[in-house]
Amino acid sequence: MRRFIPISAAAVALSAAAVVGPVQAAPYHLLHWDNTGVCQVWDQGWTIKPIRWPSNYEVVSKSVPTFSAALAVKQKLLKRGKCKF
């Protein structure tokens, strides 16, 4: 039992590092939903696509490398009145 705990802790640490690495490398962009006016940060690394029903969306920003950069772009669009939230 004493050997199991350090091995399992190491496995958890390695799996957490594996999850964090690819997520940070994925590019992001903003989606603008036509029925609400809300802009949403979308991770292009996801294998699923946003559903276009019952509303439609358009991509309103260039790809940016980090989530925080996407939030900065969203903040600029909020100040210009292009997004509601």
PDB file of N, CA and C in Angstrom:
ATOM      1  N   MET A   1       0.817  -1.194   0.000  1.00  0.00           N
ATOM      2  CA  MET A   1       0.000   0.000   0.000  1.00  0.00           C
ATOM      3  C   MET A   1       0.858   1.254   0.000  1.00  0.00           C
ATOM      4  N   ARG A   2       1.993   1.213   0.699  1.00  0.00           N
ATOM      5  CA  ARG A   2       2.846   2.387   0.781  1.00  0.00           C
ATOM      6  C   ARG A   2       3.468   2.712  -0.571  1.00  0.00           C
ATOM      7  N   ARG A   3       3.724   1.729  -1.393  1.00  0.00           N
ATOM      8  CA  ARG A   3       4.292   1.975  -2.714  1.00  0.00           C
ATOM      9  C   ARG A   3       3.233   2.476  -3.694  1.00  0.00           C
ATOM     10  N   PHE A   4       2.012   2.088  -3.466  1.00  0.00           N
ATOM     11  CA  PHE A   4       0.925   2.470  -4.373  1.00  0.00           C
ATOM     12  C   PHE A   4       0.637   3.978  -4.340  1.00  0.00           C
ATOM     13  N   ILE A   5       0.688   4.577  -3.181  1.00  0.00           N
ATOM     14  CA  ILE A   5       0.350   5.996  -3.047  1.00  0.00           C
ATOM     15  C   ILE A   5       1.301   6.891  -3.849  1.00  0.00           C
ATOM     16  N   PRO A   6       2.643   6.742  -3.727  1.00  0.00           N
ATOM     17  CA  PRO A   6       3.516   7.604  -4.540  1.00  0.00           C
ATOM     18  C   PRO A   6       3.377   7.351  -6.039  1.00  0.00           C
ATOM     19  N   ILE A   7       3.152   6.110  -6.422  1.00  0.00           N
ATOM     20  CA  ILE A   7       3.000   5.801  -7.840  1.00  0.00           C
ATOM     21  C   ILE A   7       1.719   6.428  -8.381  1.00  0.00           C
ATOM     22  N   SER A   8       0.635   6.334  -7.628  1.00  0.00           N
ATOM     23  CA  SER A   8      -0.623   6.918  -8.104  1.00  0.00           C
ATOM     24  C   SER A   8      -0.542   8.438  -8.100  1.00  0.00           C
ATOM     25  N   ALA A   9       0.165   9.028  -7.140  1.00  0.00           N
ATOM     26  CA  ALA A   9       0.326  10.484  -7.125  1.00  0.00           C
ATOM     27  C   ALA A   9       1.129  10.940  -8.336  1.00  0.00           C
ATOM     28  N   ALA A  10       2.145  10.175  -8.701  1.00  0.00           N
ATOM     29  CA  ALA A  10       2.939  10.518  -9.890  1.00  0.00           C
ATOM     30  C   ALA A  10       2.106  10.382 -11.154  1.00  0.00           C
ATOM     31  N   ALA A  11       1.265   9.377 -11.213  1.00  0.00           N
ATOM     32  CA  ALA A  11       0.412   9.187 -12.387  1.00  0.00           C
ATOM     33  C   ALA A  11      -0.579  10.344 -12.526  1.00  0.00           C
ATOM     34  N   VAL A  12      -1.137  10.807 -11.431  1.00  0.00           N
ATOM     35  CA  VAL A  12      -2.064  11.936 -11.472  1.00  0.00           C
ATOM     36  C   VAL A  12      -1.340  13.199 -11.928  1.00  0.00           C
ATOM     37  N   ALA A  13      -0.124  13.417 -11.421  1.00  0.00           N
ATOM     38  CA  ALA A  13       0.641  14.601 -11.812  1.00  0.00           C
ATOM     39  C   ALA A  13       0.980  14.575 -13.298  1.00  0.00           C
ATOM     40  N   LEU A  14       1.352  13.418 -13.819  1.00  0.00           N
ATOM     41  CA  LEU A  14       1.671  13.312 -15.247  1.00  0.00           C
ATOM     42  C   LEU A  14       0.438  13.509 -16.121  1.00  0.00           C
ATOM     43  N   SER A  15      -0.682  12.952 -15.698  1.00  0.00           N
ATOM     44  CA  SER A  15      -1.896  13.119 -16.495  1.00  0.00           C
ATOM     45  C   SER A  15      -2.375  14.568 -16.462  1.00  0.00           C
ATOM     46  N   ALA A  16      -2.217  15.253 -15.343  1.00  0.00           N
ATOM     47  CA  ALA A  16      -2.597  16.664 -15.265  1.00  0.00           C
ATOM     48  C   ALA A  16      -1.706  17.505 -16.169  1.00  0.00           C
ATOM     49  N   ALA A  17      -0.420  17.196 -16.214  1.00  0.00           N
ATOM     50  CA  ALA A  17       0.496  17.926 -17.095  1.00  0.00           C
ATOM     51  C   ALA A  17       0.153  17.668 -18.557  1.00  0.00           C
ATOM     52  N   ALA A  18      -0.268  16.474 -18.871  1.00  0.00           N
ATOM     53  CA  ALA A  18      -0.629  16.150 -20.247  1.00  0.00           C
ATOM     54  C   ALA A  18      -1.888  16.894 -20.668  1.00  0.00           C
ATOM     55  N   VAL A  19      -2.818  17.089 -19.751  1.00  0.00           N
ATOM     56  CA  VAL A  19      -4.050  17.799 -20.071  1.00  0.00           C
ATOM     57  C   VAL A  19      -3.788  19.294 -20.232  1.00  0.00           C
ATOM     58  N   VAL A  20      -2.971  19.872 -19.382  1.00  0.00           N
ATOM     59  CA  VAL A  20      -2.709  21.309 -19.420  1.00  0.00           C
ATOM     60  C   VAL A  20      -1.934  21.700 -20.668  1.00  0.00           C
ATOM     61  N   GLY A  21      -0.989  20.897 -21.104  1.00  0.00           N
ATOM     62  CA  GLY A  21      -0.153  21.236 -22.248  1.00  0.00           C
ATOM     63  C   GLY A  21      -0.913  21.504 -23.531  1.00  0.00           C
ATOM     64  N   PRO A  22      -1.692  20.578 -24.050  1.00  0.00           N
ATOM     65  CA  PRO A  22      -2.386  20.803 -25.309  1.00  0.00           C
ATOM     66  C   PRO A  22      -3.459  21.886 -25.237  1.00  0.00           C
ATOM     67  N   VAL A  23      -4.093  22.056 -24.098  1.00  0.00           N
ATOM     68  CA  VAL A  23      -5.161  23.035 -23.984  1.00  0.00           C
ATOM     69  C   VAL A  23      -4.617  24.443 -24.177  1.00  0.00           C
ATOM     70  N   GLN A  24      -3.441  24.724 -23.642  1.00  0.00           N
ATOM     71  CA  GLN A  24      -2.879  26.057 -23.759  1.00  0.00           C
ATOM     72  C   GLN A  24      -2.407  26.363 -25.175  1.00  0.00           C
ATOM     73  N   ALA A  25      -2.106  25.355 -25.959  1.00  0.00           N
ATOM     74  CA  ALA A  25      -1.573  25.571 -27.295  1.00  0.00           C
ATOM     75  C   ALA A  25      -2.668  25.801 -28.344  1.00  0.00           C
ATOM     76  N   ALA A  26      -3.905  25.519 -27.994  1.00  0.00           N
ATOM     77  CA  ALA A  26      -4.991  25.621 -28.971  1.00  0.00           C
ATOM     78  C   ALA A  26      -5.343  27.081 -29.236  1.00  0.00           C
ATOM     79  N   PRO A  27      -5.584  27.445 -30.489  1.00  0.00           N
ATOM     80  CA  PRO A  27      -5.992  28.822 -30.792  1.00  0.00           C
ATOM     81  C   PRO A  27      -7.472  29.047 -30.447  1.00  0.00           C
ATOM     82  N   TYR A  28      -7.805  30.285 -30.187  1.00  0.00           N
ATOM     83  CA  TYR A  28      -9.160  30.660 -29.803  1.00  0.00           C
ATOM     84  C   TYR A  28      -9.683  31.736 -30.749  1.00  0.00           C
ATOM     85  N   HIS A  29     -10.990  31.848 -30.851  1.00  0.00           N
ATOM     86  CA  HIS A  29     -11.621  32.966 -31.549  1.00  0.00           C
ATOM     87  C   HIS A  29     -12.968  33.244 -30.897  1.00  0.00           C
ATOM     88  N   LEU A  30     -13.605  34.333 -31.307  1.00  0.00           N
ATOM     89  CA  LEU A  30     -14.887  34.708 -30.726  1.00  0.00           C
ATOM     90  C   LEU A  30     -16.024  34.415 -31.685  1.00  0.00           C
ATOM     91  N   LEU A  31     -17.104  33.881 -31.126  1.00  0.00           N
ATOM     92  CA  LEU A  31     -18.336  33.668 -31.872  1.00  0.00           C
ATOM     93  C   LEU A  31     -19.343  34.707 -31.415  1.00  0.00           C
ATOM     94  N   HIS A  32     -20.088  35.271 -32.352  1.00  0.00           N
ATOM     95  CA  HIS A  32     -21.165  36.214 -32.036  1.00  0.00           C
ATOM     96  C   HIS A  32     -22.481  35.535 -32.381  1.00  0.00           C
ATOM     97  N   TRP A  33     -23.335  35.345 -31.368  1.00  0.00           N
ATOM     98  CA  TRP A  33     -24.624  34.691 -31.561  1.00  0.00           C
ATOM     99  C   TRP A  33     -25.655  35.726 -31.977  1.00  0.00           C
ATOM    100  N   ASP A  34     -26.365  35.472 -33.071  1.00  0.00           N
ATOM    101  CA  ASP A  34     -27.264  36.476 -33.642  1.00  0.00           C
ATOM    102  C   ASP A  34     -28.524  36.719 -32.829  1.00  0.00           C
ATOM    103  N   ASN A  35     -29.019  35.740 -32.092  1.00  0.00           N
ATOM    104  CA  ASN A  35     -30.283  35.952 -31.375  1.00  0.00           C
ATOM    105  C   ASN A  35     -30.095  36.681 -30.051  1.00  0.00           C
ATOM    106  N   THR A  36     -28.909  36.624 -29.461  1.00  0.00           N
ATOM    107  CA  THR A  36     -28.688  37.264 -28.172  1.00  0.00           C
ATOM    108  C   THR A  36     -27.672  38.399 -28.236  1.00  0.00           C
ATOM    109  N   GLY A  37     -26.803  38.383 -29.228  1.00  0.00           N
ATOM    110  CA  GLY A  37     -25.742  39.382 -29.301  1.00  0.00           C
ATOM    111  C   GLY A  37     -24.555  39.065 -28.418  1.00  0.00           C
ATOM    112  N   VAL A  38     -24.566  37.911 -27.794  1.00  0.00           N
ATOM    113  CA  VAL A  38     -23.491  37.497 -26.897  1.00  0.00           C
ATOM    114  C   VAL A  38     -22.299  37.009 -27.708  1.00  0.00           C
ATOM    115  N   CYS A  39     -21.104  37.389 -27.269  1.00  0.00           N
ATOM    116  CA  CYS A  39     -19.880  36.870 -27.873  1.00  0.00           C
ATOM    117  C   CYS A  39     -19.306  35.806 -26.947  1.00  0.00           C
ATOM    118  N   GLN A  40     -18.902  34.699 -27.526  1.00  0.00           N
ATOM    119  CA  GLN A  40     -18.420  33.560 -26.771  1.00  0.00           C
ATOM    120  C   GLN A  40     -17.032  33.191 -27.255  1.00  0.00           C
ATOM    121  N   VAL A  41     -16.112  32.952 -26.310  1.00  0.00           N
ATOM    122  CA  VAL A  41     -14.781  32.470 -26.671  1.00  0.00           C
ATOM    123  C   VAL A  41     -14.914  31.005 -27.051  1.00  0.00           C
ATOM    124  N   TRP A  42     -14.358  30.640 -28.203  1.00  0.00           N
ATOM    125  CA  TRP A  42     -14.446  29.262 -28.681  1.00  0.00           C
ATOM    126  C   TRP A  42     -13.045  28.714 -28.918  1.00  0.00           C
ATOM    127  N   ASP A  43     -12.787  27.535 -28.413  1.00  0.00           N
ATOM    128  CA  ASP A  43     -11.508  26.852 -28.562  1.00  0.00           C
ATOM    129  C   ASP A  43     -11.528  26.046 -29.853  1.00  0.00           C
ATOM    130  N   GLN A  44     -10.675  26.387 -30.793  1.00  0.00           N
ATOM    131  CA  GLN A  44     -10.637  25.687 -32.076  1.00  0.00           C
ATOM    132  C   GLN A  44     -10.068  24.278 -31.960  1.00  0.00           C
ATOM    133  N   GLY A  45      -9.463  23.961 -30.841  1.00  0.00           N
ATOM    134  CA  GLY A  45      -8.917  22.627 -30.628  1.00  0.00           C
ATOM    135  C   GLY A  45      -9.977  21.585 -30.314  1.00  0.00           C
ATOM    136  N   TRP A  46     -11.193  22.013 -29.986  1.00  0.00           N
ATOM    137  CA  TRP A  46     -12.272  21.075 -29.695  1.00  0.00           C
ATOM    138  C   TRP A  46     -12.691  20.370 -30.971  1.00  0.00           C
ATOM    139  N   THR A  47     -13.027  19.130 -30.852  1.00  0.00           N
ATOM    140  CA  THR A  47     -13.440  18.361 -32.023  1.00  0.00           C
ATOM    141  C   THR A  47     -14.907  18.610 -32.385  1.00  0.00           C
ATOM    142  N   ILE A  48     -15.679  19.131 -31.441  1.00  0.00           N
ATOM    143  CA  ILE A  48     -17.087  19.430 -31.736  1.00  0.00           C
ATOM    144  C   ILE A  48     -17.212  20.860 -32.256  1.00  0.00           C
ATOM    145  N   LYS A  49     -18.252  21.120 -32.970  1.00  0.00           N
ATOM    146  CA  LYS A  49     -18.552  22.445 -33.485  1.00  0.00           C
ATOM    147  C   LYS A  49     -19.791  22.967 -32.767  1.00  0.00           C
ATOM    148  N   PRO A  50     -19.929  24.291 -32.612  1.00  0.00           N
ATOM    149  CA  PRO A  50     -21.146  24.814 -31.987  1.00  0.00           C
ATOM    150  C   PRO A  50     -22.371  24.520 -32.850  1.00  0.00           C
ATOM    151  N   ILE A  51     -23.479  24.269 -32.200  1.00  0.00           N
ATOM    152  CA  ILE A  51     -24.721  23.954 -32.911  1.00  0.00           C
ATOM    153  C   ILE A  51     -25.357  25.247 -33.417  1.00  0.00           C
ATOM    154  N   ARG A  52     -25.751  25.274 -34.664  1.00  0.00           N
ATOM    155  CA  ARG A  52     -26.320  26.469 -35.280  1.00  0.00           C
ATOM    156  C   ARG A  52     -27.842  26.530 -35.156  1.00  0.00           C
ATOM    157  N   TRP A  53     -28.447  25.689 -34.365  1.00  0.00           N
ATOM    158  CA  TRP A  53     -29.876  25.735 -34.206  1.00  0.00           C
ATOM    159  C   TRP A  53     -30.212  25.903 -32.742  1.00  0.00           C
ATOM    160  N   PRO A  54     -31.107  26.682 -32.294  1.00  0.00           N
ATOM    161  CA  PRO A  54     -32.074  27.498 -33.002  1.00  0.00           C
ATOM    162  C   PRO A  54     -31.516  28.860 -33.408  1.00  0.00           C
ATOM    163  N   SER A  55     -30.253  29.104 -33.166  1.00  0.00           N
ATOM    164  CA  SER A  55     -29.649  30.383 -33.492  1.00  0.00           C
ATOM    165  C   SER A  55     -28.467  30.158 -34.417  1.00  0.00           C
ATOM    166  N   ASN A  56     -27.976  31.223 -34.985  1.00  0.00           N
ATOM    167  CA  ASN A  56     -26.806  31.146 -35.841  1.00  0.00           C
ATOM    168  C   ASN A  56     -25.706  31.996 -35.223  1.00  0.00           C
ATOM    169  N   TYR A  57     -24.485  31.758 -35.624  1.00  0.00           N
ATOM    170  CA  TYR A  57     -23.364  32.524 -35.111  1.00  0.00           C
ATOM    171  C   TYR A  57     -22.435  32.879 -36.258  1.00  0.00           C
ATOM    172  N   GLU A  58     -21.562  33.842 -36.001  1.00  0.00           N
ATOM    173  CA  GLU A  58     -20.502  34.153 -36.945  1.00  0.00           C
ATOM    174  C   GLU A  58     -19.218  34.359 -36.149  1.00  0.00           C
ATOM    175  N   VAL A  59     -18.112  34.066 -36.779  1.00  0.00           N
ATOM    176  CA  VAL A  59     -16.810  34.283 -36.161  1.00  0.00           C
ATOM    177  C   VAL A  59     -16.475  35.764 -36.330  1.00  0.00           C
ATOM    178  N   VAL A  60     -16.203  36.466 -35.220  1.00  0.00           N
ATOM    179  CA  VAL A  60     -15.988  37.908 -35.276  1.00  0.00           C
ATOM    180  C   VAL A  60     -14.575  38.335 -34.891  1.00  0.00           C
ATOM    181  N   SER A  61     -13.646  37.389 -34.802  1.00  0.00           N
ATOM    182  CA  SER A  61     -12.273  37.755 -34.466  1.00  0.00           C
ATOM    183  C   SER A  61     -11.296  36.839 -35.182  1.00  0.00           C
ATOM    184  N   LYS A  62     -10.074  37.289 -35.263  1.00  0.00           N
ATOM    185  CA  LYS A  62      -9.001  36.444 -35.759  1.00  0.00           C
ATOM    186  C   LYS A  62      -8.636  35.441 -34.671  1.00  0.00           C
ATOM    187  N   SER A  63      -7.949  34.393 -35.043  1.00  0.00           N
ATOM    188  CA  SER A  63      -7.490  33.428 -34.054  1.00  0.00           C
ATOM    189  C   SER A  63      -6.410  34.058 -33.188  1.00  0.00           C
ATOM    190  N   VAL A  64      -6.495  33.804 -31.901  1.00  0.00           N
ATOM    191  CA  VAL A  64      -5.482  34.262 -30.952  1.00  0.00           C
ATOM    192  C   VAL A  64      -4.959  33.038 -30.201  1.00  0.00           C
ATOM    193  N   PRO A  65      -3.698  33.076 -29.732  1.00  0.00           N
ATOM    194  CA  PRO A  65      -3.086  31.865 -29.186  1.00  0.00           C
ATOM    195  C   PRO A  65      -3.531  31.464 -27.786  1.00  0.00           C
ATOM    196  N   THR A  66      -4.030  32.401 -26.971  1.00  0.00           N
ATOM    197  CA  THR A  66      -4.370  32.076 -25.586  1.00  0.00           C
ATOM    198  C   THR A  66      -5.787  32.511 -25.247  1.00  0.00           C
ATOM    199  N   PHE A  67      -6.306  31.905 -24.190  1.00  0.00           N
ATOM    200  CA  PHE A  67      -7.639  32.246 -23.712  1.00  0.00           C
ATOM    201  C   PHE A  67      -7.681  33.681 -23.206  1.00  0.00           C
ATOM    202  N   SER A  68      -6.634  34.101 -22.512  1.00  0.00           N
ATOM    203  CA  SER A  68      -6.613  35.468 -21.994  1.00  0.00           C
ATOM    204  C   SER A  68      -6.570  36.495 -23.127  1.00  0.00           C
ATOM    205  N   ALA A  69      -5.892  36.176 -24.221  1.00  0.00           N
ATOM    206  CA  ALA A  69      -5.883  37.075 -25.381  1.00  0.00           C
ATOM    207  C   ALA A  69      -7.281  37.158 -25.999  1.00  0.00           C
ATOM    208  N   ALA A  70      -7.993  36.049 -26.019  1.00  0.00           N
ATOM    209  CA  ALA A  70      -9.363  36.049 -26.544  1.00  0.00           C
ATOM    210  C   ALA A  70     -10.275  36.886 -25.651  1.00  0.00           C
ATOM    211  N   LEU A  71     -10.070  36.825 -24.337  1.00  0.00           N
ATOM    212  CA  LEU A  71     -10.870  37.653 -23.437  1.00  0.00           C
ATOM    213  C   LEU A  71     -10.564  39.137 -23.640  1.00  0.00           C
ATOM    214  N   ALA A  72      -9.313  39.474 -23.944  1.00  0.00           N
ATOM    215  CA  ALA A  72      -8.953  40.871 -24.222  1.00  0.00           C
ATOM    216  C   ALA A  72      -9.650  41.365 -25.495  1.00  0.00           C
ATOM    217  N   VAL A  73      -9.719  40.509 -26.516  1.00  0.00           N
ATOM    218  CA  VAL A  73     -10.426  40.866 -27.751  1.00  0.00           C
ATOM    219  C   VAL A  73     -11.910  41.043 -27.458  1.00  0.00           C
ATOM    220  N   LYS A  74     -12.467  40.164 -26.634  1.00  0.00           N
ATOM    221  CA  LYS A  74     -13.879  40.262 -26.273  1.00  0.00           C
ATOM    222  C   LYS A  74     -14.147  41.571 -25.531  1.00  0.00           C
ATOM    223  N   GLN A  75     -13.235  41.962 -24.655  1.00  0.00           N
ATOM    224  CA  GLN A  75     -13.398  43.212 -23.912  1.00  0.00           C
ATOM    225  C   GLN A  75     -13.432  44.415 -24.854  1.00  0.00           C
ATOM    226  N   LYS A  76     -12.593  44.401 -25.880  1.00  0.00           N
ATOM    227  CA  LYS A  76     -12.588  45.488 -26.870  1.00  0.00           C
ATOM    228  C   LYS A  76     -13.902  45.537 -27.634  1.00  0.00           C
ATOM    229  N   LEU A  77     -14.424  44.370 -28.007  1.00  0.00           N
ATOM    230  CA  LEU A  77     -15.702  44.327 -28.718  1.00  0.00           C
ATOM    231  C   LEU A  77     -16.864  44.776 -27.834  1.00  0.00           C
ATOM    232  N   LEU A  78     -16.777  44.482 -26.544  1.00  0.00           N
ATOM    233  CA  LEU A  78     -17.801  44.950 -25.608  1.00  0.00           C
ATOM    234  C   LEU A  78     -17.801  46.475 -25.530  1.00  0.00           C
ATOM    235  N   LYS A  79     -16.617  47.064 -25.465  1.00  0.00           N
ATOM    236  CA  LYS A  79     -16.516  48.525 -25.386  1.00  0.00           C
ATOM    237  C   LYS A  79     -17.026  49.198 -26.654  1.00  0.00           C
ATOM    238  N   ARG A  80     -16.841  48.555 -27.800  1.00  0.00           N
ATOM    239  CA  ARG A  80     -17.322  49.110 -29.077  1.00  0.00           C
ATOM    240  C   ARG A  80     -18.805  48.869 -29.305  1.00  0.00           C
ATOM    241  N   GLY A  81     -19.425  48.043 -28.474  1.00  0.00           N
ATOM    242  CA  GLY A  81     -20.839  47.744 -28.628  1.00  0.00           C
ATOM    243  C   GLY A  81     -21.133  46.621 -29.609  1.00  0.00           C
ATOM    244  N   LYS A  82     -20.123  45.880 -30.009  1.00  0.00           N
ATOM    245  CA  LYS A  82     -20.318  44.765 -30.937  1.00  0.00           C
ATOM    246  C   LYS A  82     -20.869  43.530 -30.242  1.00  0.00           C
ATOM    247  N   CYS A  83     -20.634  43.426 -28.938  1.00  0.00           N
ATOM    248  CA  CYS A  83     -21.103  42.297 -28.135  1.00  0.00           C
ATOM    249  C   CYS A  83     -21.866  42.834 -26.931  1.00  0.00           C
ATOM    250  N   LYS A  84     -22.821  42.027 -26.463  1.00  0.00           N
ATOM    251  CA  LYS A  84     -23.590  42.414 -25.275  1.00  0.00           C
ATOM    252  C   LYS A  84     -22.972  41.897 -23.989  1.00  0.00           C
ATOM    253  N   PHE A  85     -22.370  40.717 -24.032  1.00  0.00           N
ATOM    254  CA  PHE A  85     -21.775  40.134 -22.832  1.00  0.00           C
ATOM    255  C   PHE A  85     -20.654  39.230 -23.239  1.00  0.00           C
TER     256      PHE A  85
END
